[in-house]
Amino acid sequence: MKIPIILGPTGVGKSDFAIKLAKKINGEIISADSCQVYKYFDIGSAKVSKEQQNEITHHLIDILEPNQTFNACLFQKFAKGCIEEIKSRGKNPIICGGTGLYIKGLVFNYDFNNTKRNERLRKECEEIIKNQGISALYQILKEKNANLAKNISLNDKTRIIRALETNSLPSQNSDNSDLYVIFAMDLDRQELYRKIDNRVDEMIKKGLFDEVKNILNSFGSTPQALSSIGYKEVVSFYKGEITKEKAIELIKQHSRNYAKRQLTFIRGLKNVIWLNASKIEEVIRNYEKYL
């Protein structure tokens, strides 16, 4: 059986689909989310509940402390290990999420070790961001390699620095896409944006601001995941840079913008099966016909 990968914009319902599919095909879920790997990043990452994790086994959730580093290279390594381990027990892996480079790195077997880390350059990049902002660093990348820059988001600090370090995208060892079947969930745009806004409101009610405060008190502002949408805006609030109302407004705006970028990324993939999120039950019932 091909390994299903469930993609789609933030807030569209990927986790619910993955859980229902896991029940159908005796599956276990591998999270491809760059925030959910971290302990304590629960509300802002929309992490599945402990009850859901008890119902269906999830992998690559809560495996790191906030001050540890995670990236596409590690995801590729861990995900491959999870796939083999799940299969060895006669179950079917399902990949759910999330971060575009994680998915590409796995499906196309990227080689992430083509250039070693350059700590001096990384320090210089951090200084530029601190003094001039992320846009200044992105402009440097555009001047050095415009074609490379257009494949990277203006706000993706990790990939901008890595691109300056290597002056290239990760190289591709082989195309493993035949091993996977990619499902992309989508919704009417206004309905999607309504769901995103409602989800942010629900995160606030659940205690997102307290969650960020506890992380800041325990680990400071350095954890990598605090630069993610839903966290960086609250950090700005606690730094006194914006009001609470503005932070919430920005979380919603940035989430909608991120949804657009996710859809653009998915449209660039080949052989994607697009699904309307409102018809997932029908897809589950007739899943075999998609294989």
Protein backbone atom coordinates (compact mmCIF):
# COMPACT_ATOMS: atom_id res chain seq x y z
CA MET A 1 0.00 0.00 0.00
CA LYS A 2 1.25 3.48 -0.85
CA ILE A 3 1.87 5.76 2.11
CA PRO A 4 -0.75 8.52 2.30
CA ILE A 5 0.46 12.08 2.85
CA ILE A 6 -2.23 14.53 3.95
CA LEU A 7 -1.55 18.16 3.05
CA GLY A 8 -3.61 21.31 3.03
CA PRO A 9 -3.73 24.85 4.40
CA THR A 10 -3.67 25.52 8.12
CA GLY A 11 -7.04 25.03 9.79
CA VAL A 12 -8.54 22.89 7.03
CA GLY A 13 -8.86 19.74 9.17
CA LYS A 14 -5.85 17.59 8.27
CA SER A 15 -5.53 15.98 11.70
CA ASP A 16 -9.17 14.91 11.82
CA PHE A 17 -8.87 13.37 8.36
CA ALA A 18 -5.66 11.56 9.34
CA ILE A 19 -7.27 10.08 12.47
CA LYS A 20 -10.33 8.88 10.57
CA LEU A 21 -8.15 7.39 7.84
CA ALA A 22 -5.95 5.66 10.45
CA LYS A 23 -9.04 3.93 11.86
CA LYS A 24 -9.99 2.81 8.36
CA ILE A 25 -6.61 1.37 7.31
CA ASN A 26 -5.10 0.29 10.66
CA GLY A 27 -2.72 3.22 10.55
CA GLU A 28 -0.43 5.28 12.74
CA ILE A 29 0.24 8.96 12.11
CA ILE A 30 3.60 10.68 11.59
CA SER A 31 3.38 14.42 12.21
CA ALA A 32 5.25 16.59 9.70
CA ASP A 33 4.75 19.76 11.74
CA SER A 34 7.81 21.78 12.76
CA CYS A 35 6.21 22.95 16.04
CA GLN A 36 4.50 19.81 17.27
CA VAL A 37 7.84 18.06 17.79
CA TYR A 38 8.37 20.33 20.81
CA LYS A 39 7.05 19.77 24.30
CA TYR A 40 4.90 22.57 25.75
CA PHE A 41 4.02 23.97 22.29
CA ASP A 42 0.49 22.61 22.42
CA ILE A 43 -2.15 25.27 21.84
CA GLY A 44 -0.43 27.41 19.23
CA SER A 45 0.62 24.38 17.18
CA ALA A 46 -2.91 22.91 17.26
CA LYS A 47 -1.40 19.71 18.62
CA VAL A 48 -3.77 16.77 18.75
CA SER A 49 -5.09 16.06 22.24
CA LYS A 50 -3.74 13.33 24.53
CA GLU A 51 -7.07 11.52 24.08
CA GLN A 52 -6.59 11.52 20.30
CA GLN A 53 -3.01 10.33 20.70
CA ASN A 54 -4.22 7.50 22.94
CA GLU A 55 -6.83 6.56 20.36
CA ILE A 56 -4.39 6.53 17.41
CA THR A 57 -0.63 6.35 17.85
CA HIS A 58 1.12 9.55 16.72
CA HIS A 59 4.84 9.91 16.03
CA LEU A 60 7.19 12.94 16.11
CA ILE A 61 5.06 14.79 18.65
CA ASP A 62 6.57 15.98 21.98
CA ILE A 63 9.96 14.43 21.25
CA LEU A 64 12.17 17.49 21.90
CA GLU A 65 12.69 20.16 24.53
CA PRO A 66 12.02 23.71 23.31
CA ASN A 67 15.73 24.62 23.39
CA GLN A 68 16.66 21.79 21.02
CA THR A 69 16.93 22.13 17.24
CA PHE A 70 14.81 20.41 14.61
CA ASN A 71 14.99 20.73 10.84
CA ALA A 72 14.11 19.06 7.54
CA CYS A 73 17.17 16.83 7.66
CA LEU A 74 16.22 15.44 11.07
CA PHE A 75 12.59 15.07 10.02
CA GLN A 76 13.64 13.01 7.00
CA LYS A 77 15.78 10.74 9.18
CA PHE A 78 13.17 10.32 11.92
CA ALA A 79 10.25 9.89 9.49
CA LYS A 80 12.05 7.13 7.57
CA GLY A 81 12.71 5.35 10.86
CA CYS A 82 9.07 5.71 11.91
CA ILE A 83 7.84 4.37 8.57
CA GLU A 84 9.94 1.22 8.89
CA GLU A 85 9.00 0.70 12.54
CA ILE A 86 5.26 1.11 11.86
CA LYS A 87 5.40 -1.29 8.91
CA SER A 88 7.33 -3.85 10.98
CA ARG A 89 4.29 -4.12 13.26
CA GLY A 90 1.94 -4.72 10.35
CA LYS A 91 0.45 -1.24 10.46
CA ASN A 92 0.24 1.51 7.84
CA PRO A 93 2.04 4.85 8.21
CA ILE A 94 0.17 8.08 7.45
CA ILE A 95 2.04 11.38 7.17
CA CYS A 96 0.09 14.46 8.23
CA GLY A 97 1.15 18.08 7.84
CA GLY A 98 2.70 20.49 7.60
CA THR A 99 6.04 21.94 6.61
CA GLY A 100 6.69 21.98 2.86
CA LEU A 101 10.42 21.29 2.94
CA TYR A 102 9.86 18.35 5.29
CA ILE A 103 7.49 16.76 2.77
CA LYS A 104 9.72 17.45 -0.24
CA GLY A 105 12.78 16.18 1.59
CA LEU A 106 11.06 12.89 2.32
CA VAL A 107 9.28 12.33 -1.00
CA PHE A 108 12.22 13.35 -3.17
CA ASN A 109 14.91 12.01 -0.84
CA TYR A 110 16.83 15.30 -0.55
CA ASP A 111 20.46 15.27 0.49
CA PHE A 112 20.61 17.86 3.27
CA ASN A 113 24.29 17.32 4.04
CA ASN A 114 25.77 18.89 0.91
CA THR A 115 27.37 21.71 2.93
CA LYS A 116 28.45 21.84 6.56
CA ARG A 117 27.16 24.46 8.97
CA ASN A 118 29.01 27.76 8.92
CA GLU A 119 28.69 29.11 12.44
CA ARG A 120 30.40 32.42 11.63
CA LEU A 121 28.02 33.11 8.74
CA ARG A 122 25.04 32.12 10.87
CA LYS A 123 26.09 34.56 13.58
CA GLU A 124 26.42 37.33 10.99
CA CYS A 125 22.95 36.52 9.67
CA GLU A 126 21.47 36.71 13.16
CA GLU A 127 23.10 40.11 13.66
CA ILE A 128 21.59 41.39 10.40
CA ILE A 129 18.15 40.18 11.47
CA LYS A 130 18.55 41.75 14.90
CA ASN A 131 19.69 45.13 13.56
CA GLN A 132 17.93 45.39 10.18
CA GLY A 133 15.17 42.80 10.17
CA ILE A 134 14.55 39.57 8.23
CA SER A 135 13.77 41.50 5.03
CA ALA A 136 17.34 42.80 4.88
CA LEU A 137 18.72 39.26 5.00
CA TYR A 138 16.25 38.12 2.36
CA GLN A 139 17.41 40.98 0.13
CA ILE A 140 21.00 39.75 0.44
CA LEU A 141 19.88 36.30 -0.69
CA LYS A 142 18.00 37.83 -3.65
CA GLU A 143 21.13 39.69 -4.71
CA LYS A 144 23.26 36.56 -4.43
CA ASN A 145 20.83 34.08 -5.98
CA ALA A 146 17.47 35.43 -7.16
CA ASN A 147 16.28 32.05 -8.46
CA LEU A 148 16.93 30.45 -5.09
CA ALA A 149 15.25 33.31 -3.20
CA LYS A 150 11.98 32.96 -5.11
CA ASN A 151 11.60 29.43 -3.71
CA ILE A 152 11.83 30.66 -0.11
CA SER A 153 9.36 32.71 1.90
CA LEU A 154 10.40 36.22 2.94
CA ASN A 155 9.85 35.29 6.60
CA ASP A 156 11.44 31.82 6.61
CA LYS A 157 14.56 32.62 8.60
CA THR A 158 15.80 29.03 8.80
CA ARG A 159 15.73 28.47 5.04
CA ILE A 160 17.12 31.91 4.20
CA ILE A 161 20.16 31.32 6.40
CA ARG A 162 20.62 27.79 5.09
CA ALA A 163 20.38 29.04 1.50
CA LEU A 164 23.06 31.67 2.14
CA GLU A 165 25.17 28.97 3.75
CA THR A 166 24.91 26.52 0.84
CA ASN A 167 23.93 28.85 -2.02
CA SER A 168 21.68 26.04 -3.19
CA LEU A 169 18.52 24.13 -2.40
CA PRO A 170 19.10 20.63 -1.01
CA SER A 171 20.10 18.24 -3.77
CA GLN A 172 17.83 15.36 -4.74
CA ASN A 173 19.17 11.83 -4.42
CA SER A 174 16.24 10.03 -6.00
CA ASP A 175 12.53 10.43 -6.62
CA ASN A 176 10.62 8.26 -4.16
CA SER A 177 7.24 9.75 -5.05
CA ASP A 178 5.91 6.37 -6.25
CA LEU A 179 5.93 5.25 -2.61
CA TYR A 180 3.39 7.88 -1.62
CA VAL A 181 -0.11 9.08 -2.47
CA ILE A 182 -0.58 12.78 -1.74
CA PHE A 183 -3.98 14.11 -0.70
CA ALA A 184 -4.54 17.86 -0.59
CA MET A 185 -7.49 19.17 1.39
CA ASP A 186 -9.08 22.47 0.43
CA LEU A 187 -12.14 24.58 1.15
CA ASP A 188 -13.92 27.56 -0.30
CA ARG A 189 -11.61 30.46 0.49
CA GLN A 190 -14.04 32.44 2.65
CA GLU A 191 -15.00 29.31 4.57
CA LEU A 192 -11.32 28.49 5.13
CA TYR A 193 -10.58 31.99 6.40
CA ARG A 194 -13.59 31.81 8.71
CA LYS A 195 -12.30 28.52 10.14
CA ILE A 196 -8.82 29.99 10.60
CA ASP A 197 -10.17 33.01 12.47
CA ASN A 198 -12.39 30.81 14.66
CA ARG A 199 -9.49 28.51 15.41
CA VAL A 200 -7.34 31.43 16.55
CA ASP A 201 -10.16 32.64 18.81
CA GLU A 202 -10.37 29.12 20.27
CA MET A 203 -6.59 29.10 20.88
CA ILE A 204 -6.90 32.35 22.81
CA LYS A 205 -9.70 30.88 24.95
CA LYS A 206 -7.62 27.76 25.66
CA GLY A 207 -4.77 29.90 26.99
CA LEU A 208 -2.30 30.61 24.19
CA PHE A 209 -0.94 33.71 25.94
CA ASP A 210 -0.32 31.77 29.15
CA GLU A 211 1.34 28.99 27.16
CA VAL A 212 3.79 31.45 25.62
CA LYS A 213 4.42 33.15 28.97
CA ASN A 214 5.32 29.78 30.55
CA ILE A 215 7.70 28.96 27.68
CA LEU A 216 9.35 32.39 27.96
CA ASN A 217 9.72 32.00 31.74
CA SER A 218 11.27 28.54 31.38
CA PHE A 219 13.36 28.86 28.22
CA GLY A 220 13.61 32.56 27.32
CA SER A 221 12.87 33.86 23.81
CA THR A 222 15.45 31.70 22.00
CA PRO A 223 13.47 28.50 21.19
CA GLN A 224 13.24 28.01 17.44
CA ALA A 225 9.48 27.37 17.53
CA LEU A 226 8.77 30.77 19.08
CA SER A 227 9.36 32.26 15.62
CA SER A 228 6.34 30.34 14.31
CA ILE A 229 2.96 31.93 13.56
CA GLY A 230 0.85 32.07 16.70
CA TYR A 231 3.90 32.32 18.92
CA LYS A 232 5.99 35.17 17.50
CA GLU A 233 3.03 37.56 17.70
CA VAL A 234 2.45 36.76 21.37
CA VAL A 235 6.17 37.16 22.06
CA SER A 236 5.93 40.65 20.51
CA PHE A 237 3.08 41.41 22.90
CA TYR A 238 5.13 40.36 25.93
CA LYS A 239 8.04 42.47 24.68
CA GLY A 240 5.70 45.45 24.72
CA GLU A 241 5.91 45.95 20.96
CA ILE A 242 2.18 45.51 20.24
CA THR A 243 -1.12 45.29 22.11
CA LYS A 244 -2.86 42.01 22.85
CA GLU A 245 -5.59 42.89 20.36
CA LYS A 246 -2.99 43.58 17.67
CA ALA A 247 -1.24 40.29 18.41
CA ILE A 248 -4.49 38.37 17.89
CA GLU A 249 -5.22 40.31 14.70
CA LEU A 250 -1.73 39.51 13.37
CA ILE A 251 -2.03 35.81 14.20
CA LYS A 252 -5.17 35.64 12.09
CA GLN A 253 -3.64 37.66 9.25
CA HIS A 254 -0.39 35.69 9.22
CA SER A 255 -2.30 32.40 9.38
CA ARG A 256 -4.37 33.36 6.33
CA ASN A 257 -1.22 34.41 4.47
CA TYR A 258 0.44 31.13 5.42
CA ALA A 259 -2.56 29.19 4.12
CA LYS A 260 -2.07 30.88 0.73
CA ARG A 261 1.61 29.90 0.67
CA GLN A 262 0.78 26.32 1.62
CA LEU A 263 -1.67 26.04 -1.27
CA THR A 264 0.89 27.50 -3.67
CA PHE A 265 3.42 24.91 -2.50
CA ILE A 266 0.97 22.04 -2.97
CA ARG A 267 0.06 23.21 -6.48
CA GLY A 268 3.74 22.85 -7.35
CA LEU A 269 3.69 19.12 -6.54
CA LYS A 270 2.85 16.44 -9.09
CA ASN A 271 0.07 13.84 -8.96
CA VAL A 272 -1.80 15.44 -6.07
CA ILE A 273 -5.34 14.26 -5.32
CA TRP A 274 -7.39 17.31 -4.32
CA LEU A 275 -10.21 16.77 -1.84
CA ASN A 276 -12.91 19.10 -0.61
CA ALA A 277 -12.60 19.10 3.17
CA SER A 278 -16.39 18.93 3.54
CA LYS A 279 -16.47 15.54 1.78
CA ILE A 280 -13.87 13.65 3.76
CA GLU A 281 -16.32 11.03 5.05
CA GLU A 282 -17.06 10.01 1.47
CA VAL A 283 -13.34 9.78 0.70
CA ILE A 284 -12.79 7.55 3.74
CA ARG A 285 -15.59 5.20 2.69
CA ASN A 286 -14.18 4.85 -0.83
CA TYR A 287 -10.51 5.13 0.05
CA GLU A 288 -9.36 2.07 -1.91
CA LYS A 289 -10.21 3.66 -5.25
CA TYR A 290 -7.55 6.34 -4.68
CA LEU A 291 -4.69 3.85 -4.39
